[in-house]
C-alpha atoms as a PDB file:
ATOM      1  CA  MET A   1       4.445  13.295 -12.780  1.00  0.00           C
ATOM      2  CA  ILE A   2       3.684  12.300  -9.194  1.00  0.00           C
ATOM      3  CA  PHE A   3       7.274  12.005  -8.009  1.00  0.00           C
ATOM      4  CA  SER A   4      10.272  14.139  -8.757  1.00  0.00           C
ATOM      5  CA  THR A   5      13.634  12.570  -8.017  1.00  0.00           C
ATOM      6  CA  GLY A   6      15.447  15.841  -7.474  1.00  0.00           C
ATOM      7  CA  PRO A   7      16.653  17.140  -4.114  1.00  0.00           C
ATOM      8  CA  GLY A   8      14.254  18.500  -1.571  1.00  0.00           C
ATOM      9  CA  ASN A   9      13.656  18.060   2.118  1.00  0.00           C
ATOM     10  CA  SER A  10      10.060  18.992   2.800  1.00  0.00           C
ATOM     11  CA  GLN A  11       6.811  17.732   1.345  1.00  0.00           C
ATOM     12  CA  ASN A  12       6.124  20.787  -0.814  1.00  0.00           C
ATOM     13  CA  GLU A  13       9.638  21.978  -1.578  1.00  0.00           C
ATOM     14  CA  PRO A  14      10.553  21.939  -5.269  1.00  0.00           C
ATOM     15  CA  GLY A  15      12.267  18.694  -6.152  1.00  0.00           C
ATOM     16  CA  ASP A  16      10.441  16.759  -3.459  1.00  0.00           C
ATOM     17  CA  ALA A  17       8.882  13.498  -4.535  1.00  0.00           C
ATOM     18  CA  PHE A  18       5.337  14.808  -4.127  1.00  0.00           C
ATOM     19  CA  SER A  19       5.783  18.466  -5.106  1.00  0.00           C
ATOM     20  CA  SER A  20       3.806  18.168  -8.339  1.00  0.00           C
ATOM     21  CA  VAL A  21       0.852  16.324  -6.836  1.00  0.00           C
ATOM     22  CA  ASP A  22      -2.477  17.990  -6.187  1.00  0.00           C
ATOM     23  CA  ASN A  23      -2.880  18.396  -2.417  1.00  0.00           C
ATOM     24  CA  SER A  24      -6.522  19.466  -2.459  1.00  0.00           C
ATOM     25  CA  PRO A  25      -8.841  17.506  -0.155  1.00  0.00           C
ATOM     26  CA  GLY A  26     -11.602  15.159  -1.256  1.00  0.00           C
ATOM     27  CA  TYR A  27     -11.984  11.947  -3.222  1.00  0.00           C
ATOM     28  CA  SER A  28     -13.779  11.298  -6.464  1.00  0.00           C
ATOM     29  CA  SER A  29     -16.870   9.150  -5.970  1.00  0.00           C
ATOM     30  CA  ASN A  30     -15.230   6.013  -7.416  1.00  0.00           C
ATOM     31  CA  TYR A  31     -12.250   6.259  -5.112  1.00  0.00           C
ATOM     32  CA  ASN A  32     -14.391   7.245  -2.150  1.00  0.00           C
ATOM     33  CA  GLN A  33     -16.261   3.935  -2.550  1.00  0.00           C
ATOM     34  CA  LEU A  34     -12.959   2.082  -2.879  1.00  0.00           C
ATOM     35  CA  SER A  35     -11.694   3.807   0.259  1.00  0.00           C
ATOM     36  CA  VAL A  36     -14.831   2.839   2.187  1.00  0.00           C
ATOM     37  CA  GLU A  37     -14.599  -0.798   1.081  1.00  0.00           C
ATOM     38  CA  PHE A  38     -10.869  -0.869   1.851  1.00  0.00           C
ATOM     39  CA  SER A  39     -11.479   0.580   5.337  1.00  0.00           C
ATOM     40  CA  GLN A  40     -14.247  -1.931   6.020  1.00  0.00           C
ATOM     41  CA  GLU A  41     -12.075  -4.858   4.947  1.00  0.00           C
ATOM     42  CA  ILE A  42      -9.183  -3.694   7.138  1.00  0.00           C
ATOM     43  CA  GLY A  43     -11.565  -3.306  10.086  1.00  0.00           C
ATOM     44  CA  TYR A  44     -13.007  -6.780   9.544  1.00  0.00           C
ATOM     45  CA  LEU A  45      -9.519  -8.322   9.521  1.00  0.00           C
ATOM     46  CA  TYR A  46      -8.135  -6.356  12.476  1.00  0.00           C
ATOM     47  CA  PRO A  47      -9.059  -8.906  15.191  1.00  0.00           C
ATOM     48  CA  TYR A  48      -7.188 -11.594  13.249  1.00  0.00           C
ATOM     49  CA  PHE A  49      -4.158  -9.331  13.022  1.00  0.00           C
ATOM     50  CA  ILE A  50      -4.179  -8.701  16.777  1.00  0.00           C
ATOM     51  CA  LYS A  51      -4.486 -12.441  17.474  1.00  0.00           C
ATOM     52  CA  ALA A  52      -1.580 -13.198  15.132  1.00  0.00           C
ATOM     53  CA  CYS A  53       0.607 -10.556  16.748  1.00  0.00           C
ATOM     54  CA  GLN A  54      -0.182 -11.931  20.205  1.00  0.00           C
ATOM     55  CA  ARG A  55       0.310 -15.551  19.146  1.00  0.00           C
ATOM     56  CA  TRP A  56       3.737 -14.933  17.625  1.00  0.00           C
ATOM     57  CA  ASN A  57       4.733 -12.159  20.034  1.00  0.00           C
ATOM     58  CA  ILE A  58       5.386  -9.719  17.188  1.00  0.00           C
ATOM     59  CA  PRO A  59       4.800  -5.969  17.233  1.00  0.00           C
ATOM     60  CA  GLU A  60       1.690  -4.477  15.673  1.00  0.00           C
ATOM     61  CA  ASP A  61       3.651  -1.521  14.328  1.00  0.00           C
ATOM     62  CA  GLY A  62       5.098  -1.848  10.874  1.00  0.00           C
ATOM     63  CA  LEU A  63       8.000  -0.150   9.132  1.00  0.00           C
ATOM     64  CA  SER A  64       5.991   2.891   8.048  1.00  0.00           C
ATOM     65  CA  GLY A  65       4.464   3.727  11.410  1.00  0.00           C
ATOM     66  CA  ILE A  66       1.144   4.100   9.601  1.00  0.00           C
ATOM     67  CA  LYS A  67      -1.643   2.281  11.406  1.00  0.00           C
ATOM     68  CA  PRO A  68      -3.723  -0.203   9.382  1.00  0.00           C
ATOM     69  CA  SER A  69      -6.804   2.005   9.731  1.00  0.00           C
ATOM     70  CA  GLN A  70      -4.833   4.783   7.992  1.00  0.00           C
ATOM     71  CA  TYR A  71      -3.774   2.733   4.941  1.00  0.00           C
ATOM     72  CA  PRO A  72      -6.752   3.900   2.831  1.00  0.00           C
ATOM     73  CA  ASP A  73      -6.121   7.579   3.632  1.00  0.00           C
ATOM     74  CA  PHE A  74      -2.487   7.172   2.634  1.00  0.00           C
ATOM     75  CA  LEU A  75      -2.823   4.995  -0.500  1.00  0.00           C
ATOM     76  CA  ILE A  76      -6.090   6.076  -2.164  1.00  0.00           C
ATOM     77  CA  PRO A  77      -4.963   9.682  -2.832  1.00  0.00           C
ATOM     78  CA  LEU A  78      -1.976   8.341  -4.766  1.00  0.00           C
ATOM     79  CA  ILE A  79      -4.290   6.379  -7.042  1.00  0.00           C
ATOM     80  CA  GLU A  80      -6.130   9.636  -7.698  1.00  0.00           C
ATOM     81  CA  GLY A  81      -2.886  11.472  -8.430  1.00  0.00           C
ATOM     82  CA  ARG A  82      -2.926  13.425  -5.166  1.00  0.00           C
ATOM     83  CA  ALA A  83      -0.309  13.473  -2.431  1.00  0.00           C
ATOM     84  CA  PRO A  84      -1.303  11.847   0.851  1.00  0.00           C
ATOM     85  CA  SER A  85      -0.640  13.737   4.041  1.00  0.00           C
ATOM     86  CA  ASN A  86       2.738  12.969   5.541  1.00  0.00           C
ATOM     87  CA  PRO A  87       2.456  12.027   9.223  1.00  0.00           C
ATOM     88  CA  TYR A  88       6.268  12.074   9.532  1.00  0.00           C
ATOM     89  CA  ARG A  89       7.674  15.215   7.917  1.00  0.00           C
ATOM     90  CA  GLU A  90      11.255  14.038   8.463  1.00  0.00           C
ATOM     91  CA  ILE A  91      10.707  10.938   6.281  1.00  0.00           C
ATOM     92  CA  PRO A  92      10.270  11.404   2.524  1.00  0.00           C
ATOM     93  CA  LEU A  93       6.871  10.203   1.319  1.00  0.00           C
ATOM     94  CA  ILE A  94       8.448   7.824  -1.208  1.00  0.00           C
ATOM     95  CA  PHE A  95       9.939   5.827   1.686  1.00  0.00           C
ATOM     96  CA  LEU A  96       6.661   5.902   3.584  1.00  0.00           C
ATOM     97  CA  LEU A  97       4.935   4.600   0.452  1.00  0.00           C
ATOM     98  CA  LYS A  98       7.356   1.691   0.097  1.00  0.00           C
ATOM     99  CA  ASN A  99       7.085   0.800   3.767  1.00  0.00           C
ATOM    100  CA  CYS A 100       3.297   1.206   3.824  1.00  0.00           C
ATOM    101  CA  ILE A 101       3.015  -1.271   0.928  1.00  0.00           C
ATOM    102  CA  LEU A 102       5.193  -3.755   2.803  1.00  0.00           C
ATOM    103  CA  ASP A 103       3.188  -3.201   6.000  1.00  0.00           C
ATOM    104  CA  LEU A 104      -0.096  -3.712   4.162  1.00  0.00           C
ATOM    105  CA  LYS A 105       1.093  -7.005   2.710  1.00  0.00           C
ATOM    106  CA  ARG A 106       2.287  -8.136   6.148  1.00  0.00           C
ATOM    107  CA  TYR A 107      -1.059  -7.167   7.691  1.00  0.00           C
ATOM    108  CA  TYR A 108      -2.988  -9.258   5.195  1.00  0.00           C
ATOM    109  CA  ALA A 109      -0.572 -12.192   5.424  1.00  0.00           C
ATOM    110  CA  GLU A 110      -0.860 -12.287   9.228  1.00  0.00           C
ATOM    111  CA  CYS A 111      -4.656 -12.131   8.973  1.00  0.00           C
ATOM    112  CA  PHE A 112      -4.769 -14.855   6.331  1.00  0.00           C
ATOM    113  CA  PHE A 113      -2.645 -17.312   8.280  1.00  0.00           C
ATOM    114  CA  GLU A 114      -4.487 -16.592  11.512  1.00  0.00           C
ATOM    115  CA  GLN A 115      -7.695 -17.615   9.727  1.00  0.00           C
ATOM    116  CA  GLN A 116      -6.169 -20.486   7.730  1.00  0.00           C
ATOM    117  CA  PRO A 117      -3.065 -21.826   9.496  1.00  0.00           C
ATOM    118  CA  GLU A 118      -2.845 -24.889   7.230  1.00  0.00           C
ATOM    119  CA  ALA A 119      -2.817 -22.901   3.984  1.00  0.00           C
ATOM    120  CA  LYS A 120       0.012 -23.205   1.461  1.00  0.00           C
ATOM    121  CA  ILE A 121       1.975 -20.002   1.742  1.00  0.00           C
ATOM    122  CA  SER A 122       2.810 -19.143  -1.845  1.00  0.00           C
ATOM    123  CA  GLU A 123      -0.320 -20.352  -3.576  1.00  0.00           C
ATOM    124  CA  ASP A 124      -3.250 -19.834  -1.226  1.00  0.00           C
ATOM    125  CA  LEU A 125      -2.118 -16.486   0.159  1.00  0.00           C
ATOM    126  CA  THR A 126      -1.282 -15.090  -3.276  1.00  0.00           C
ATOM    127  CA  GLU A 127      -4.570 -16.172  -4.785  1.00  0.00           C
ATOM    128  CA  TRP A 128      -6.580 -14.872  -1.833  1.00  0.00           C
ATOM    129  CA  PHE A 129      -4.813 -11.509  -1.659  1.00  0.00           C
ATOM    130  CA  TRP A 130      -4.755 -10.658  -5.358  1.00  0.00           C
ATOM    131  CA  GLN A 131      -8.101 -12.188  -6.358  1.00  0.00           C
ATOM    132  CA  GLN A 132     -10.371 -11.779  -3.342  1.00  0.00           C
ATOM    133  CA  THR A 133      -9.421  -8.669  -1.389  1.00  0.00           C
ATOM    134  CA  VAL A 134     -10.024  -4.973  -1.839  1.00  0.00           C
ATOM    135  CA  ALA A 135      -6.404  -4.434  -0.801  1.00  0.00           C
ATOM    136  CA  GLY A 136      -5.303  -6.472  -3.816  1.00  0.00           C
ATOM    137  CA  ASP A 137      -7.430  -4.215  -6.042  1.00  0.00           C
ATOM    138  CA  VAL A 138      -5.958  -1.108  -4.419  1.00  0.00           C
ATOM    139  CA  LEU A 139      -2.409  -2.313  -4.991  1.00  0.00           C
ATOM    140  CA  LYS A 140      -3.162  -3.255  -8.616  1.00  0.00           C
ATOM    141  CA  LYS A 141      -4.393   0.297  -9.223  1.00  0.00           C
ATOM    142  CA  LEU A 142      -1.375   1.747  -7.408  1.00  0.00           C
ATOM    143  CA  ASP A 143       0.907  -0.501  -9.469  1.00  0.00           C
ATOM    144  CA  ASN A 144      -0.580   0.962 -12.665  1.00  0.00           C
ATOM    145  CA  VAL A 145       0.033   4.488 -11.357  1.00  0.00           C
ATOM    146  CA  CYS A 146       3.627   3.689 -10.436  1.00  0.00           C
ATOM    147  CA  ARG A 147       4.509   1.843 -13.630  1.00  0.00           C
ATOM    148  CA  SER A 148       2.981   4.505 -15.879  1.00  0.00           C
ATOM    149  CA  SER A 149       4.682   7.368 -14.052  1.00  0.00           C
ATOM    150  CA  SER A 150       7.531   9.185 -15.745  1.00  0.00           C
ATOM    151  CA  ASP A 151       9.270   9.270 -12.376  1.00  0.00           C
ATOM    152  CA  ARG A 152      12.020   6.720 -11.803  1.00  0.00           C
ATOM    153  CA  MET A 153      11.284   6.253  -8.083  1.00  0.00           C
ATOM    154  CA  MET A 154       7.617   5.532  -8.784  1.00  0.00           C
ATOM    155  CA  ASN A 155       8.692   2.961 -11.376  1.00  0.00           C
ATOM    156  CA  VAL A 156      10.957   1.304  -8.802  1.00  0.00           C
ATOM    157  CA  ILE A 157       8.092   1.118  -6.305  1.00  0.00           C
ATOM    158  CA  GLY A 158       5.867  -0.446  -8.966  1.00  0.00           C
ATOM    159  CA  SER A 159       8.410  -2.907 -10.270  1.00  0.00           C
ATOM    160  CA  HIS A 160       9.932  -3.999  -6.951  1.00  0.00           C
ATOM    161  CA  PHE A 161       7.419  -3.616  -4.132  1.00  0.00           C
ATOM    162  CA  ILE A 162       3.815  -3.843  -5.235  1.00  0.00           C
ATOM    163  CA  MET A 163       2.959  -6.878  -7.347  1.00  0.00           C
ATOM    164  CA  LEU A 164       6.196  -8.813  -7.157  1.00  0.00           C
ATOM    165  CA  GLY A 165       4.487 -12.085  -6.216  1.00  0.00           C
ATOM    166  CA  HIS A 166       1.530 -11.660  -8.550  1.00  0.00           C
ATOM    167  CA  PRO A 167       1.322 -14.074 -11.515  1.00  0.00           C
ATOM    168  CA  ILE A 168       1.097 -11.174 -13.967  1.00  0.00           C
ATOM    169  CA  HIS A 169       4.734 -10.341 -13.124  1.00  0.00           C
ATOM    170  CA  ASN A 170       5.853 -13.957 -12.786  1.00  0.00           C
ATOM    171  CA  PRO A 171       5.145 -15.770 -16.073  1.00  0.00           C
ATOM    172  CA  ALA A 172       6.199 -19.149 -14.637  1.00  0.00           C
ATOM    173  CA  ARG A 173       3.170 -19.026 -12.310  1.00  0.00           C
ATOM    174  CA  ARG A 174       0.540 -18.200 -14.966  1.00  0.00           C
END
């Protein structure tokens, strides 16, 4: 069980959401490759994100406070069943996870529309993100982890924040 829904106020205190997760460093080779590809994709898209933020006068910072270059280091360990490091000890990791997912989706949406301003929002963006990006693959894997977890909070993250717009969870769009 990755998350525990009991009380707790520090990352490793019993009852904390990540108390039962392995905190040892290192990635398996499969996830190391995924992390590298994810990092490269984020780096490639970064100039588009900056241009979009400047064009629309919106802040670069997202809800989580995690920088785009740090998304792989935060999300990949969860796919492996390990706890990511918590850059904000006062904020429970479950909330950082939710906000990081939302920030990641915003990052990719801003990049997509900066590259293709005439695209149809619901169809083109969804197809591009879920079918053509490493980030889409990462979130699909994270969705499987969340939905298969025995922890209620992980299930909520999986069912409400990860693949909500994906056709697999919206039968009318299949």
